Amino acid sequence: MATLSIPDMSCGHCKSAVEAAILKLDPNASVVVDLDNRRAEITSTEPVQALINALDAVGFPAEPA
């Protein structure tokens, strides 16, 4: 599991975009978004850097929390 800090995530639309980006990369991933703390817990077989790259590509820079 990876916990990522996503500072630019602030609303329901952002949450949906983050979830969609991760699920596009790994359809079997589990994504739990915490808007209040601007974090996402992701369970995926993809490497953390691939998750970060997928989020960067849709405008949500992320880093390990």
C-alpha atoms as a PDB file:
ATOM      1  CA  MET A   1       0.000   0.000   0.000  1.00  0.00           C
ATOM      2  CA  ALA A   2       1.153   3.528  -0.781  1.00  0.00           C
ATOM      3  CA  THR A   3       0.016   6.667   0.992  1.00  0.00           C
ATOM      4  CA  LEU A   4       0.407   9.714  -1.201  1.00  0.00           C
ATOM      5  CA  SER A   5       0.140  13.369  -0.297  1.00  0.00           C
ATOM      6  CA  ILE A   6      -1.787  15.279  -2.985  1.00  0.00           C
ATOM      7  CA  PRO A   7      -1.774  18.970  -1.944  1.00  0.00           C
ATOM      8  CA  ASP A   8      -3.877  20.239  -4.882  1.00  0.00           C
ATOM      9  CA  MET A   9      -6.794  17.885  -4.169  1.00  0.00           C
ATOM     10  CA  SER A  10      -9.618  19.783  -2.482  1.00  0.00           C
ATOM     11  CA  CYS A  11     -13.063  18.755  -3.748  1.00  0.00           C
ATOM     12  CA  GLY A  12     -15.237  15.896  -4.931  1.00  0.00           C
ATOM     13  CA  HIS A  13     -14.227  16.469  -8.548  1.00  0.00           C
ATOM     14  CA  CYS A  14     -10.563  16.218  -7.537  1.00  0.00           C
ATOM     15  CA  LYS A  15     -11.297  12.993  -5.661  1.00  0.00           C
ATOM     16  CA  SER A  16     -12.973  11.504  -8.728  1.00  0.00           C
ATOM     17  CA  ALA A  17     -10.092  12.533 -10.997  1.00  0.00           C
ATOM     18  CA  VAL A  18      -7.522  10.971  -8.655  1.00  0.00           C
ATOM     19  CA  GLU A  19      -9.498   7.734  -8.415  1.00  0.00           C
ATOM     20  CA  ALA A  20      -9.989   7.582 -12.189  1.00  0.00           C
ATOM     21  CA  ALA A  21      -6.282   8.151 -12.904  1.00  0.00           C
ATOM     22  CA  ILE A  22      -5.234   5.329 -10.592  1.00  0.00           C
ATOM     23  CA  LEU A  23      -7.911   2.939 -11.823  1.00  0.00           C
ATOM     24  CA  LYS A  24      -6.944   3.651 -15.433  1.00  0.00           C
ATOM     25  CA  LEU A  25      -3.392   2.589 -14.586  1.00  0.00           C
ATOM     26  CA  ASP A  26      -4.473  -0.409 -12.482  1.00  0.00           C
ATOM     27  CA  PRO A  27      -8.146  -1.414 -12.765  1.00  0.00           C
ATOM     28  CA  ASN A  28      -7.750  -3.707  -9.736  1.00  0.00           C
ATOM     29  CA  ALA A  29      -6.370  -1.007  -7.442  1.00  0.00           C
ATOM     30  CA  SER A  30      -8.062   0.087  -4.253  1.00  0.00           C
ATOM     31  CA  VAL A  31      -8.121   3.860  -3.739  1.00  0.00           C
ATOM     32  CA  VAL A  32      -9.223   5.505  -0.488  1.00  0.00           C
ATOM     33  CA  VAL A  33      -9.150   9.307  -0.682  1.00  0.00           C
ATOM     34  CA  ASP A  34      -9.028  11.531   2.410  1.00  0.00           C
ATOM     35  CA  LEU A  35      -9.930  15.025   1.199  1.00  0.00           C
ATOM     36  CA  ASP A  36      -9.515  16.625   4.628  1.00  0.00           C
ATOM     37  CA  ASN A  37      -5.857  15.574   4.821  1.00  0.00           C
ATOM     38  CA  ARG A  38      -5.311  15.644   1.040  1.00  0.00           C
ATOM     39  CA  ARG A  39      -4.026  12.096   0.952  1.00  0.00           C
ATOM     40  CA  ALA A  40      -4.812   8.895  -0.870  1.00  0.00           C
ATOM     41  CA  GLU A  41      -4.145   5.358   0.284  1.00  0.00           C
ATOM     42  CA  ILE A  42      -3.616   3.169  -2.744  1.00  0.00           C
ATOM     43  CA  THR A  43      -3.277  -0.584  -2.872  1.00  0.00           C
ATOM     44  CA  SER A  44      -1.877  -1.566  -6.241  1.00  0.00           C
ATOM     45  CA  THR A  45       0.603  -3.880  -7.899  1.00  0.00           C
ATOM     46  CA  GLU A  46       2.055  -0.850  -9.703  1.00  0.00           C
ATOM     47  CA  PRO A  47       5.218   0.791  -8.343  1.00  0.00           C
ATOM     48  CA  VAL A  48       4.735   3.978  -6.321  1.00  0.00           C
ATOM     49  CA  GLN A  49       6.475   6.067  -8.986  1.00  0.00           C
ATOM     50  CA  ALA A  50       3.977   4.844 -11.606  1.00  0.00           C
ATOM     51  CA  LEU A  51       1.114   5.960  -9.341  1.00  0.00           C
ATOM     52  CA  ILE A  52       2.749   9.358  -8.878  1.00  0.00           C
ATOM     53  CA  ASN A  53       3.295   9.689 -12.634  1.00  0.00           C
ATOM     54  CA  ALA A  54      -0.368   8.840 -13.338  1.00  0.00           C
ATOM     55  CA  LEU A  55      -1.516  11.556 -10.929  1.00  0.00           C
ATOM     56  CA  ASP A  56       0.964  14.096 -12.301  1.00  0.00           C
ATOM     57  CA  ALA A  57      -0.391  13.413 -15.799  1.00  0.00           C
ATOM     58  CA  VAL A  58      -3.898  14.506 -14.751  1.00  0.00           C
ATOM     59  CA  GLY A  59      -2.739  17.619 -12.901  1.00  0.00           C
ATOM     60  CA  PHE A  60      -2.401  16.325  -9.354  1.00  0.00           C
ATOM     61  CA  PRO A  61       1.255  16.315  -8.317  1.00  0.00           C
ATOM     62  CA  ALA A  62       1.774  13.772  -5.556  1.00  0.00           C
ATOM     63  CA  GLU A  63       4.530  12.552  -3.294  1.00  0.00           C
ATOM     64  CA  PRO A  64       4.854   9.797  -0.710  1.00  0.00           C
ATOM     65  CA  ALA A  65       3.246  10.874   2.559  1.00  0.00           C
END
